[in-house]
Amino acid sequence: MSRSASILLLVITALLEAGGDASVRKGLSESTWRRALWFLLGGVILFGYGNIVNRPPWKFGELLGMYVVFFFVAAQVQSWAFFHETPTPAVLIGGALIISDGLVIALWR
């Protein structure tokens, strides 16, 4: 699998995981039947994430090192878009460290 295809796959799986988590979170504040629908949607999305992220023959440590970067960014974007939560300075600084660590993993050769 090419590097660009791998990165695209990691971005998609990060969006799926953050989206599945967001669906479950949304379900926690809904009425009974809507809660069940949000939980079901979250479960389906999270299953899709788990299925996709584990298919390619990646080195597990490198995969998770890079994946954390994409998950962090996806989670912050979805937190802002769906829950209107702006990241604090601590989250932004920590996020910069996460992204720099991902760059070290990606570019070290």
PDB file of N, CA and C in Angstrom:
ATOM      1  N   MET A   1       0.854  -1.171   0.000  1.00  0.00           N
ATOM      2  CA  MET A   1       0.000   0.000   0.000  1.00  0.00           C
ATOM      3  C   MET A   1       0.904   1.240   0.000  1.00  0.00           C
ATOM      4  N   SER A   2       0.580   2.201  -0.837  1.00  0.00           N
ATOM      5  CA  SER A   2       1.393   3.410  -0.929  1.00  0.00           C
ATOM      6  C   SER A   2       1.249   4.263   0.325  1.00  0.00           C
ATOM      7  N   ARG A   3       2.207   5.139   0.538  1.00  0.00           N
ATOM      8  CA  ARG A   3       2.173   6.013   1.721  1.00  0.00           C
ATOM      9  C   ARG A   3       0.949   6.918   1.699  1.00  0.00           C
ATOM     10  N   SER A   4       0.609   7.478   0.531  1.00  0.00           N
ATOM     11  CA  SER A   4      -0.552   8.371   0.462  1.00  0.00           C
ATOM     12  C   SER A   4      -1.852   7.609   0.715  1.00  0.00           C
ATOM     13  N   ALA A   5      -1.952   6.376   0.231  1.00  0.00           N
ATOM     14  CA  ALA A   5      -3.143   5.563   0.500  1.00  0.00           C
ATOM     15  C   ALA A   5      -3.228   5.231   1.987  1.00  0.00           C
ATOM     16  N   SER A   6      -2.092   4.951   2.609  1.00  0.00           N
ATOM     17  CA  SER A   6      -2.072   4.660   4.044  1.00  0.00           C
ATOM     18  C   SER A   6      -2.523   5.865   4.854  1.00  0.00           C
ATOM     19  N   ILE A   7      -2.040   7.039   4.478  1.00  0.00           N
ATOM     20  CA  ILE A   7      -2.425   8.257   5.192  1.00  0.00           C
ATOM     21  C   ILE A   7      -3.916   8.527   5.017  1.00  0.00           C
ATOM     22  N   LEU A   8      -4.417   8.368   3.807  1.00  0.00           N
ATOM     23  CA  LEU A   8      -5.850   8.561   3.567  1.00  0.00           C
ATOM     24  C   LEU A   8      -6.666   7.592   4.415  1.00  0.00           C
ATOM     25  N   LEU A   9      -6.238   6.357   4.498  1.00  0.00           N
ATOM     26  CA  LEU A   9      -6.936   5.361   5.303  1.00  0.00           C
ATOM     27  C   LEU A   9      -6.922   5.742   6.788  1.00  0.00           C
ATOM     28  N   LEU A  10      -5.798   6.251   7.276  1.00  0.00           N
ATOM     29  CA  LEU A  10      -5.726   6.692   8.667  1.00  0.00           C
ATOM     30  C   LEU A  10      -6.643   7.886   8.931  1.00  0.00           C
ATOM     31  N   VAL A  11      -6.735   8.798   7.988  1.00  0.00           N
ATOM     32  CA  VAL A  11      -7.637   9.944   8.140  1.00  0.00           C
ATOM     33  C   VAL A  11      -9.081   9.458   8.207  1.00  0.00           C
ATOM     34  N   ILE A  12      -9.455   8.553   7.317  1.00  0.00           N
ATOM     35  CA  ILE A  12     -10.826   8.026   7.301  1.00  0.00           C
ATOM     36  C   ILE A  12     -11.141   7.313   8.610  1.00  0.00           C
ATOM     37  N   THR A  13     -10.216   6.483   9.079  1.00  0.00           N
ATOM     38  CA  THR A  13     -10.489   5.756  10.321  1.00  0.00           C
ATOM     39  C   THR A  13     -10.547   6.696  11.518  1.00  0.00           C
ATOM     40  N   ALA A  14      -9.733   7.749  11.526  1.00  0.00           N
ATOM     41  CA  ALA A  14      -9.798   8.720  12.625  1.00  0.00           C
ATOM     42  C   ALA A  14     -11.145   9.425  12.634  1.00  0.00           C
ATOM     43  N   LEU A  15     -11.641   9.789  11.451  1.00  0.00           N
ATOM     44  CA  LEU A  15     -12.959  10.411  11.369  1.00  0.00           C
ATOM     45  C   LEU A  15     -14.049   9.453  11.833  1.00  0.00           C
ATOM     46  N   LEU A  16     -13.915   8.182  11.473  1.00  0.00           N
ATOM     47  CA  LEU A  16     -14.901   7.191  11.913  1.00  0.00           C
ATOM     48  C   LEU A  16     -14.877   7.016  13.428  1.00  0.00           C
ATOM     49  N   GLU A  17     -13.697   6.880  14.005  1.00  0.00           N
ATOM     50  CA  GLU A  17     -13.637   6.672  15.450  1.00  0.00           C
ATOM     51  C   GLU A  17     -14.167   7.884  16.208  1.00  0.00           C
ATOM     52  N   ALA A  18     -13.734   9.065  15.825  1.00  0.00           N
ATOM     53  CA  ALA A  18     -14.220  10.269  16.507  1.00  0.00           C
ATOM     54  C   ALA A  18     -15.723  10.441  16.285  1.00  0.00           C
ATOM     55  N   GLY A  19     -16.193  10.119  15.082  1.00  0.00           N
ATOM     56  CA  GLY A  19     -17.623  10.210  14.798  1.00  0.00           C
ATOM     57  C   GLY A  19     -18.448   9.204  15.575  1.00  0.00           C
ATOM     58  N   GLY A  20     -17.930   7.985  15.718  1.00  0.00           N
ATOM     59  CA  GLY A  20     -18.623   6.983  16.520  1.00  0.00           C
ATOM     60  C   GLY A  20     -18.691   7.389  17.980  1.00  0.00           C
ATOM     61  N   ASP A  21     -17.587   7.906  18.498  1.00  0.00           N
ATOM     62  CA  ASP A  21     -17.576   8.396  19.881  1.00  0.00           C
ATOM     63  C   ASP A  21     -18.548   9.563  20.053  1.00  0.00           C
ATOM     64  N   ALA A  22     -18.577  10.462  19.077  1.00  0.00           N
ATOM     65  CA  ALA A  22     -19.496  11.604  19.143  1.00  0.00           C
ATOM     66  C   ALA A  22     -20.952  11.143  19.104  1.00  0.00           C
ATOM     67  N   SER A  23     -21.251  10.112  18.328  1.00  0.00           N
ATOM     68  CA  SER A  23     -22.618   9.577  18.269  1.00  0.00           C
ATOM     69  C   SER A  23     -23.044   9.010  19.619  1.00  0.00           C
ATOM     70  N   VAL A  24     -22.147   8.277  20.263  1.00  0.00           N
ATOM     71  CA  VAL A  24     -22.463   7.728  21.588  1.00  0.00           C
ATOM     72  C   VAL A  24     -22.663   8.873  22.580  1.00  0.00           C
ATOM     73  N   ARG A  25     -21.794   9.875  22.523  1.00  0.00           N
ATOM     74  CA  ARG A  25     -21.927  11.025  23.426  1.00  0.00           C
ATOM     75  C   ARG A  25     -23.258  11.729  23.211  1.00  0.00           C
ATOM     76  N   LYS A  26     -23.649  11.912  21.954  1.00  0.00           N
ATOM     77  CA  LYS A  26     -24.939  12.538  21.642  1.00  0.00           C
ATOM     78  C   LYS A  26     -26.086  11.699  22.192  1.00  0.00           C
ATOM     79  N   GLY A  27     -25.969  10.378  22.083  1.00  0.00           N
ATOM     80  CA  GLY A  27     -27.009   9.495  22.584  1.00  0.00           C
ATOM     81  C   GLY A  27     -27.205   9.584  24.088  1.00  0.00           C
ATOM     82  N   LEU A  28     -26.162   9.897  24.810  1.00  0.00           N
ATOM     83  CA  LEU A  28     -26.267   9.990  26.269  1.00  0.00           C
ATOM     84  C   LEU A  28     -27.204  11.103  26.729  1.00  0.00           C
ATOM     85  N   SER A  29     -27.435  12.092  25.874  1.00  0.00           N
ATOM     86  CA  SER A  29     -28.280  13.220  26.275  1.00  0.00           C
ATOM     87  C   SER A  29     -29.644  13.226  25.583  1.00  0.00           C
ATOM     88  N   GLU A  30     -29.996  12.156  24.915  1.00  0.00           N
ATOM     89  CA  GLU A  30     -31.260  12.099  24.175  1.00  0.00           C
ATOM     90  C   GLU A  30     -32.316  11.281  24.916  1.00  0.00           C
ATOM     91  N   SER A  31     -33.552  11.389  24.404  1.00  0.00           N
ATOM     92  CA  SER A  31     -34.643  10.586  24.961  1.00  0.00           C
ATOM     93  C   SER A  31     -34.459   9.119  24.574  1.00  0.00           C
ATOM     94  N   THR A  32     -35.281   8.256  25.120  1.00  0.00           N
ATOM     95  CA  THR A  32     -35.093   6.811  25.014  1.00  0.00           C
ATOM     96  C   THR A  32     -34.935   6.304  23.589  1.00  0.00           C
ATOM     97  N   TRP A  33     -35.884   6.588  22.688  1.00  0.00           N
ATOM     98  CA  TRP A  33     -35.780   6.016  21.335  1.00  0.00           C
ATOM     99  C   TRP A  33     -34.675   6.678  20.527  1.00  0.00           C
ATOM    100  N   ARG A  34     -34.468   7.969  20.712  1.00  0.00           N
ATOM    101  CA  ARG A  34     -33.359   8.633  20.018  1.00  0.00           C
ATOM    102  C   ARG A  34     -32.017   8.161  20.559  1.00  0.00           C
ATOM    103  N   ARG A  35     -31.972   7.923  21.848  1.00  0.00           N
ATOM    104  CA  ARG A  35     -30.747   7.402  22.471  1.00  0.00           C
ATOM    105  C   ARG A  35     -30.356   6.084  21.817  1.00  0.00           C
ATOM    106  N   ALA A  36     -31.322   5.199  21.627  1.00  0.00           N
ATOM    107  CA  ALA A  36     -31.044   3.896  21.016  1.00  0.00           C
ATOM    108  C   ALA A  36     -30.520   4.059  19.589  1.00  0.00           C
ATOM    109  N   LEU A  37     -31.091   4.989  18.832  1.00  0.00           N
ATOM    110  CA  LEU A  37     -30.630   5.220  17.462  1.00  0.00           C
ATOM    111  C   LEU A  37     -29.199   5.760  17.434  1.00  0.00           C
ATOM    112  N   TRP A  38     -28.886   6.709  18.314  1.00  0.00           N
ATOM    113  CA  TRP A  38     -27.529   7.247  18.370  1.00  0.00           C
ATOM    114  C   TRP A  38     -26.530   6.176  18.795  1.00  0.00           C
ATOM    115  N   PHE A  39     -26.917   5.354  19.773  1.00  0.00           N
ATOM    116  CA  PHE A  39     -26.027   4.268  20.216  1.00  0.00           C
ATOM    117  C   PHE A  39     -25.803   3.255  19.096  1.00  0.00           C
ATOM    118  N   LEU A  40     -26.861   2.914  18.379  1.00  0.00           N
ATOM    119  CA  LEU A  40     -26.742   1.978  17.262  1.00  0.00           C
ATOM    120  C   LEU A  40     -25.830   2.560  16.178  1.00  0.00           C
ATOM    121  N   LEU A  41     -26.056   3.818  15.833  1.00  0.00           N
ATOM    122  CA  LEU A  41     -25.213   4.476  14.837  1.00  0.00           C
ATOM    123  C   LEU A  41     -23.751   4.490  15.294  1.00  0.00           C
ATOM    124  N   GLY A  42     -23.523   4.845  16.553  1.00  0.00           N
ATOM    125  CA  GLY A  42     -22.161   4.862  17.088  1.00  0.00           C
ATOM    126  C   GLY A  42     -21.514   3.490  17.028  1.00  0.00           C
ATOM    127  N   GLY A  43     -22.270   2.449  17.362  1.00  0.00           N
ATOM    128  CA  GLY A  43     -21.736   1.090  17.316  1.00  0.00           C
ATOM    129  C   GLY A  43     -21.366   0.660  15.911  1.00  0.00           C
ATOM    130  N   VAL A  44     -22.212   0.990  14.946  1.00  0.00           N
ATOM    131  CA  VAL A  44     -21.935   0.638  13.549  1.00  0.00           C
ATOM    132  C   VAL A  44     -20.694   1.387  13.051  1.00  0.00           C
ATOM    133  N   ILE A  45     -20.610   2.667  13.371  1.00  0.00           N
ATOM    134  CA  ILE A  45     -19.456   3.465  12.936  1.00  0.00           C
ATOM    135  C   ILE A  45     -18.171   2.938  13.571  1.00  0.00           C
ATOM    136  N   LEU A  46     -18.210   2.633  14.865  1.00  0.00           N
ATOM    137  CA  LEU A  46     -17.019   2.139  15.552  1.00  0.00           C
ATOM    138  C   LEU A  46     -16.611   0.756  15.047  1.00  0.00           C
ATOM    139  N   PHE A  47     -17.575  -0.076  14.689  1.00  0.00           N
ATOM    140  CA  PHE A  47     -17.238  -1.367  14.093  1.00  0.00           C
ATOM    141  C   PHE A  47     -16.534  -1.151  12.755  1.00  0.00           C
ATOM    142  N   GLY A  48     -17.052  -0.219  11.951  1.00  0.00           N
ATOM    143  CA  GLY A  48     -16.417   0.086  10.671  1.00  0.00           C
ATOM    144  C   GLY A  48     -14.994   0.570  10.866  1.00  0.00           C
ATOM    145  N   TYR A  49     -14.787   1.423  11.856  1.00  0.00           N
ATOM    146  CA  TYR A  49     -13.440   1.899  12.167  1.00  0.00           C
ATOM    147  C   TYR A  49     -12.508   0.727  12.492  1.00  0.00           C
ATOM    148  N   GLY A  50     -12.936  -0.139  13.414  1.00  0.00           N
ATOM    149  CA  GLY A  50     -12.102  -1.259  13.834  1.00  0.00           C
ATOM    150  C   GLY A  50     -11.787  -2.210  12.700  1.00  0.00           C
ATOM    151  N   ASN A  51     -12.744  -2.402  11.839  1.00  0.00           N
ATOM    152  CA  ASN A  51     -12.549  -3.291  10.697  1.00  0.00           C
ATOM    153  C   ASN A  51     -11.554  -2.698   9.704  1.00  0.00           C
ATOM    154  N   ILE A  52     -11.691  -1.426   9.394  1.00  0.00           N
ATOM    155  CA  ILE A  52     -10.823  -0.786   8.398  1.00  0.00           C
ATOM    156  C   ILE A  52      -9.405  -0.611   8.914  1.00  0.00           C
ATOM    157  N   VAL A  53      -9.242  -0.151  10.153  1.00  0.00           N
ATOM    158  CA  VAL A  53      -7.904   0.184  10.653  1.00  0.00           C
ATOM    159  C   VAL A  53      -7.021  -1.057  10.822  1.00  0.00           C
ATOM    160  N   ASN A  54      -7.618  -2.209  10.986  1.00  0.00           N
ATOM    161  CA  ASN A  54      -6.832  -3.416  11.222  1.00  0.00           C
ATOM    162  C   ASN A  54      -6.602  -4.266   9.976  1.00  0.00           C
ATOM    163  N   ARG A  55      -7.083  -3.872   8.833  1.00  0.00           N
ATOM    164  CA  ARG A  55      -6.904  -4.654   7.607  1.00  0.00           C
ATOM    165  C   ARG A  55      -5.513  -4.547   6.984  1.00  0.00           C
ATOM    166  N   PRO A  56      -4.956  -3.351   6.823  1.00  0.00           N
ATOM    167  CA  PRO A  56      -3.642  -3.264   6.159  1.00  0.00           C
ATOM    168  C   PRO A  56      -2.544  -3.905   7.003  1.00  0.00           C
ATOM    169  N   PRO A  57      -1.495  -4.380   6.361  1.00  0.00           N
ATOM    170  CA  PRO A  57      -0.395  -5.042   7.075  1.00  0.00           C
ATOM    171  C   PRO A  57       0.633  -4.036   7.608  1.00  0.00           C
ATOM    172  N   TRP A  58       0.187  -3.118   8.467  1.00  0.00           N
ATOM    173  CA  TRP A  58       1.073  -2.107   9.026  1.00  0.00           C
ATOM    174  C   TRP A  58       1.801  -2.631  10.245  1.00  0.00           C
ATOM    175  N   LYS A  59       2.930  -2.004  10.566  1.00  0.00           N
ATOM    176  CA  LYS A  59       3.586  -2.258  11.852  1.00  0.00           C
ATOM    177  C   LYS A  59       2.734  -1.572  12.913  1.00  0.00           C
ATOM    178  N   PHE A  60       2.306  -2.317  13.906  1.00  0.00           N
ATOM    179  CA  PHE A  60       1.320  -1.827  14.866  1.00  0.00           C
ATOM    180  C   PHE A  60       1.785  -0.563  15.588  1.00  0.00           C
ATOM    181  N   GLY A  61       3.035  -0.517  16.023  1.00  0.00           N
ATOM    182  CA  GLY A  61       3.538   0.647  16.753  1.00  0.00           C
ATOM    183  C   GLY A  61       3.564   1.905  15.905  1.00  0.00           C
ATOM    184  N   GLU A  62       4.032   1.780  14.670  1.00  0.00           N
ATOM    185  CA  GLU A  62       4.048   2.934  13.772  1.00  0.00           C
ATOM    186  C   GLU A  62       2.627   3.363  13.428  1.00  0.00           C
ATOM    187  N   LEU A  63       1.758   2.391  13.214  1.00  0.00           N
ATOM    188  CA  LEU A  63       0.363   2.695  12.907  1.00  0.00           C
ATOM    189  C   LEU A  63      -0.252   3.542  14.007  1.00  0.00           C
ATOM    190  N   LEU A  64      -0.146   3.091  15.242  1.00  0.00           N
ATOM    191  CA  LEU A  64      -0.771   3.832  16.329  1.00  0.00           C
ATOM    192  C   LEU A  64      -0.104   5.173  16.560  1.00  0.00           C
ATOM    193  N   GLY A  65       1.204   5.245  16.364  1.00  0.00           N
ATOM    194  CA  GLY A  65       1.886   6.523  16.502  1.00  0.00           C
ATOM    195  C   GLY A  65       1.359   7.562  15.530  1.00  0.00           C
ATOM    196  N   MET A  66       1.161   7.159  14.298  1.00  0.00           N
ATOM    197  CA  MET A  66       0.624   8.076  13.295  1.00  0.00           C
ATOM    198  C   MET A  66      -0.882   8.288  13.488  1.00  0.00           C
ATOM    199  N   TYR A  67      -1.574   7.244  13.864  1.00  0.00           N
ATOM    200  CA  TYR A  67      -3.015   7.319  14.018  1.00  0.00           C
ATOM    201  C   TYR A  67      -3.414   8.325  15.087  1.00  0.00           C
ATOM    202  N   VAL A  68      -2.648   8.393  16.178  1.00  0.00           N
ATOM    203  CA  VAL A  68      -2.962   9.313  17.270  1.00  0.00           C
ATOM    204  C   VAL A  68      -3.022  10.759  16.755  1.00  0.00           C
ATOM    205  N   VAL A  69      -2.148  11.094  15.818  1.00  0.00           N
ATOM    206  CA  VAL A  69      -2.144  12.445  15.249  1.00  0.00           C
ATOM    207  C   VAL A  69      -3.473  12.714  14.545  1.00  0.00           C
ATOM    208  N   PHE A  70      -3.865  11.803  13.674  1.00  0.00           N
ATOM    209  CA  PHE A  70      -5.098  12.012  12.919  1.00  0.00           C
ATOM    210  C   PHE A  70      -6.325  11.975  13.827  1.00  0.00           C
ATOM    211  N   PHE A  71      -6.305  11.099  14.824  1.00  0.00           N
ATOM    212  CA  PHE A  71      -7.433  11.037  15.751  1.00  0.00           C
ATOM    213  C   PHE A  71      -7.545  12.333  16.545  1.00  0.00           C
ATOM    214  N   PHE A  72      -6.419  12.858  17.011  1.00  0.00           N
ATOM    215  CA  PHE A  72      -6.450  14.107  17.771  1.00  0.00           C
ATOM    216  C   PHE A  72      -7.081  15.224  16.939  1.00  0.00           C
ATOM    217  N   VAL A  73      -6.629  15.376  15.699  1.00  0.00           N
ATOM    218  CA  VAL A  73      -7.149  16.442  14.844  1.00  0.00           C
ATOM    219  C   VAL A  73      -8.635  16.229  14.557  1.00  0.00           C
ATOM    220  N   ALA A  74      -9.025  15.005  14.216  1.00  0.00           N
ATOM    221  CA  ALA A  74     -10.434  14.707  13.929  1.00  0.00           C
ATOM    222  C   ALA A  74     -11.311  14.959  15.151  1.00  0.00           C
ATOM    223  N   ALA A  75     -10.830  14.574  16.321  1.00  0.00           N
ATOM    224  CA  ALA A  75     -11.609  14.775  17.545  1.00  0.00           C
ATOM    225  C   ALA A  75     -11.794  16.257  17.850  1.00  0.00           C
ATOM    226  N   GLN A  76     -10.760  17.051  17.632  1.00  0.00           N
ATOM    227  CA  GLN A  76     -10.876  18.490  17.901  1.00  0.00           C
ATOM    228  C   GLN A  76     -11.832  19.165  16.921  1.00  0.00           C
ATOM    229  N   VAL A  77     -11.751  18.784  15.654  1.00  0.00           N
ATOM    230  CA  VAL A  77     -12.648  19.366  14.649  1.00  0.00           C
ATOM    231  C   VAL A  77     -14.093  18.980  14.951  1.00  0.00           C
ATOM    232  N   GLN A  78     -14.336  17.705  15.270  1.00  0.00           N
ATOM    233  CA  GLN A  78     -15.703  17.269  15.547  1.00  0.00           C
ATOM    234  C   GLN A  78     -16.211  17.841  16.868  1.00  0.00           C
ATOM    235  N   SER A  79     -15.343  18.004  17.838  1.00  0.00           N
ATOM    236  CA  SER A  79     -15.735  18.619  19.108  1.00  0.00           C
ATOM    237  C   SER A  79     -16.211  20.050  18.873  1.00  0.00           C
ATOM    238  N   TRP A  80     -15.485  20.759  18.034  1.00  0.00           N
ATOM    239  CA  TRP A  80     -15.858  22.133  17.718  1.00  0.00           C
ATOM    240  C   TRP A  80     -17.148  22.183  16.880  1.00  0.00           C
ATOM    241  N   ALA A  81     -17.231  21.325  15.862  1.00  0.00           N
ATOM    242  CA  ALA A  81     -18.363  21.361  14.935  1.00  0.00           C
ATOM    243  C   ALA A  81     -19.668  20.864  15.555  1.00  0.00           C
ATOM    244  N   PHE A  82     -19.607  19.777  16.327  1.00  0.00           N
ATOM    245  CA  PHE A  82     -20.831  19.154  16.833  1.00  0.00           C
ATOM    246  C   PHE A  82     -21.231  19.614  18.231  1.00  0.00           C
ATOM    247  N   PHE A  83     -20.255  19.939  19.064  1.00  0.00           N
ATOM    248  CA  PHE A  83     -20.542  20.274  20.457  1.00  0.00           C
ATOM    249  C   PHE A  83     -20.175  21.714  20.809  1.00  0.00           C
ATOM    250  N   HIS A  84     -19.685  22.477  19.832  1.00  0.00           N
ATOM    251  CA  HIS A  84     -19.330  23.886  20.008  1.00  0.00           C
ATOM    252  C   HIS A  84     -18.330  24.089  21.146  1.00  0.00           C
ATOM    253  N   GLU A  85     -17.381  23.164  21.259  1.00  0.00           N
ATOM    254  CA  GLU A  85     -16.329  23.243  22.272  1.00  0.00           C
ATOM    255  C   GLU A  85     -15.041  23.720  21.597  1.00  0.00           C
ATOM    256  N   THR A  86     -14.526  24.840  22.070  1.00  0.00           N
ATOM    257  CA  THR A  86     -13.264  25.324  21.514  1.00  0.00           C
ATOM    258  C   THR A  86     -12.107  24.771  22.345  1.00  0.00           C
ATOM    259  N   PRO A  87     -11.021  24.403  21.693  1.00  0.00           N
ATOM    260  CA  PRO A  87      -9.889  23.838  22.433  1.00  0.00           C
ATOM    261  C   PRO A  87      -9.225  24.894  23.320  1.00  0.00           C
ATOM    262  N   THR A  88      -8.813  24.478  24.486  1.00  0.00           N
ATOM    263  CA  THR A  88      -8.121  25.355  25.421  1.00  0.00           C
ATOM    264  C   THR A  88      -6.664  25.507  24.985  1.00  0.00           C
ATOM    265  N   PRO A  89      -5.962  26.492  25.529  1.00  0.00           N
ATOM    266  CA  PRO A  89      -4.540  26.602  25.218  1.00  0.00           C
ATOM    267  C   PRO A  89      -3.762  25.322  25.538  1.00  0.00           C
ATOM    268  N   ALA A  90      -4.103  24.657  26.634  1.00  0.00           N
ATOM    269  CA  ALA A  90      -3.416  23.412  26.987  1.00  0.00           C
ATOM    270  C   ALA A  90      -3.631  22.345  25.917  1.00  0.00           C
ATOM    271  N   VAL A  91      -4.843  22.251  25.381  1.00  0.00           N
ATOM    272  CA  VAL A  91      -5.132  21.275  24.324  1.00  0.00           C
ATOM    273  C   VAL A  91      -4.367  21.640  23.052  1.00  0.00           C
ATOM    274  N   LEU A  92      -4.302  22.915  22.723  1.00  0.00           N
ATOM    275  CA  LEU A  92      -3.570  23.339  21.532  1.00  0.00           C
ATOM    276  C   LEU A  92      -2.073  23.054  21.661  1.00  0.00           C
ATOM    277  N   ILE A  93      -1.500  23.330  22.824  1.00  0.00           N
ATOM    278  CA  ILE A  93      -0.071  23.055  23.030  1.00  0.00           C
ATOM    279  C   ILE A  93       0.182  21.546  23.023  1.00  0.00           C
ATOM    280  N   GLY A  94      -0.648  20.796  23.742  1.00  0.00           N
ATOM    281  CA  GLY A  94      -0.514  19.339  23.722  1.00  0.00           C
ATOM    282  C   GLY A  94      -0.701  18.779  22.327  1.00  0.00           C
ATOM    283  N   GLY A  95      -1.649  19.346  21.577  1.00  0.00           N
ATOM    284  CA  GLY A  95      -1.874  18.911  20.211  1.00  0.00           C
ATOM    285  C   GLY A  95      -0.677  19.185  19.310  1.00  0.00           C
ATOM    286  N   ALA A  96      -0.030  20.313  19.520  1.00  0.00           N
ATOM    287  CA  ALA A  96       1.178  20.613  18.741  1.00  0.00           C
ATOM    288  C   ALA A  96       2.259  19.579  19.020  1.00  0.00           C
ATOM    289  N   LEU A  97       2.356  19.139  20.266  1.00  0.00           N
ATOM    290  CA  LEU A  97       3.332  18.096  20.607  1.00  0.00           C
ATOM    291  C   LEU A  97       2.959  16.763  19.958  1.00  0.00           C
ATOM    292  N   ILE A  98       1.682  16.433  19.957  1.00  0.00           N
ATOM    293  CA  ILE A  98       1.219  15.196  19.315  1.00  0.00           C
ATOM    294  C   ILE A  98       1.548  15.222  17.826  1.00  0.00           C
ATOM    295  N   ILE A  99       1.256  16.348  17.179  1.00  0.00           N
ATOM    296  CA  ILE A  99       1.520  16.463  15.746  1.00  0.00           C
ATOM    297  C   ILE A  99       3.019  16.402  15.462  1.00  0.00           C
ATOM    298  N   SER A 100       3.828  17.040  16.303  1.00  0.00           N
ATOM    299  CA  SER A 100       5.289  16.980  16.075  1.00  0.00           C
ATOM    300  C   SER A 100       5.802  15.558  16.256  1.00  0.00           C
ATOM    301  N   ASP A 101       5.259  14.815  17.216  1.00  0.00           N
ATOM    302  CA  ASP A 101       5.652  13.416  17.379  1.00  0.00           C
ATOM    303  C   ASP A 101       5.286  12.601  16.147  1.00  0.00           C
ATOM    304  N   GLY A 102       4.121  12.845  15.575  1.00  0.00           N
ATOM    305  CA  GLY A 102       3.723  12.147  14.353  1.00  0.00           C
ATOM    306  C   GLY A 102       4.636  12.458  13.187  1.00  0.00           C
ATOM    307  N   LEU A 103       5.103  13.709  13.113  1.00  0.00           N
ATOM    308  CA  LEU A 103       6.035  14.074  12.052  1.00  0.00           C
ATOM    309  C   LEU A 103       7.377  13.341  12.211  1.00  0.00           C
ATOM    310  N   VAL A 104       7.824  13.177  13.453  1.00  0.00           N
ATOM    311  CA  VAL A 104       9.068  12.434  13.686  1.00  0.00           C
ATOM    312  C   VAL A 104       8.906  10.995  13.202  1.00  0.00           C
ATOM    313  N   ILE A 105       7.787  10.366  13.551  1.00  0.00           N
ATOM    314  CA  ILE A 105       7.545   8.977  13.133  1.00  0.00           C
ATOM    315  C   ILE A 105       7.457   8.877  11.614  1.00  0.00           C
ATOM    316  N   ALA A 106       6.774   9.833  10.986  1.00  0.00           N
ATOM    317  CA  ALA A 106       6.558   9.787   9.540  1.00  0.00           C
ATOM    318  C   ALA A 106       7.832  10.072   8.748  1.00  0.00           C
ATOM    319  N   LEU A 107       8.645  10.992   9.236  1.00  0.00           N
ATOM    320  CA  LEU A 107       9.788  11.453   8.446  1.00  0.00           C
ATOM    321  C   LEU A 107      11.108  10.819   8.801  1.00  0.00           C
ATOM    322  N   TRP A 108      11.183  10.099   9.892  1.00  0.00           N
ATOM    323  CA  TRP A 108      12.458   9.495  10.320  1.00  0.00           C
ATOM    324  C   TRP A 108      12.779   8.300   9.427  1.00  0.00           C
ATOM    325  N   ARG A 109      13.783   8.399   8.644  1.00  0.00           N
ATOM    326  CA  ARG A 109      14.209   7.281   7.796  1.00  0.00           C
ATOM    327  C   ARG A 109      15.655   7.462   7.470  1.00  0.00           C
TER     328      ARG A 109
END
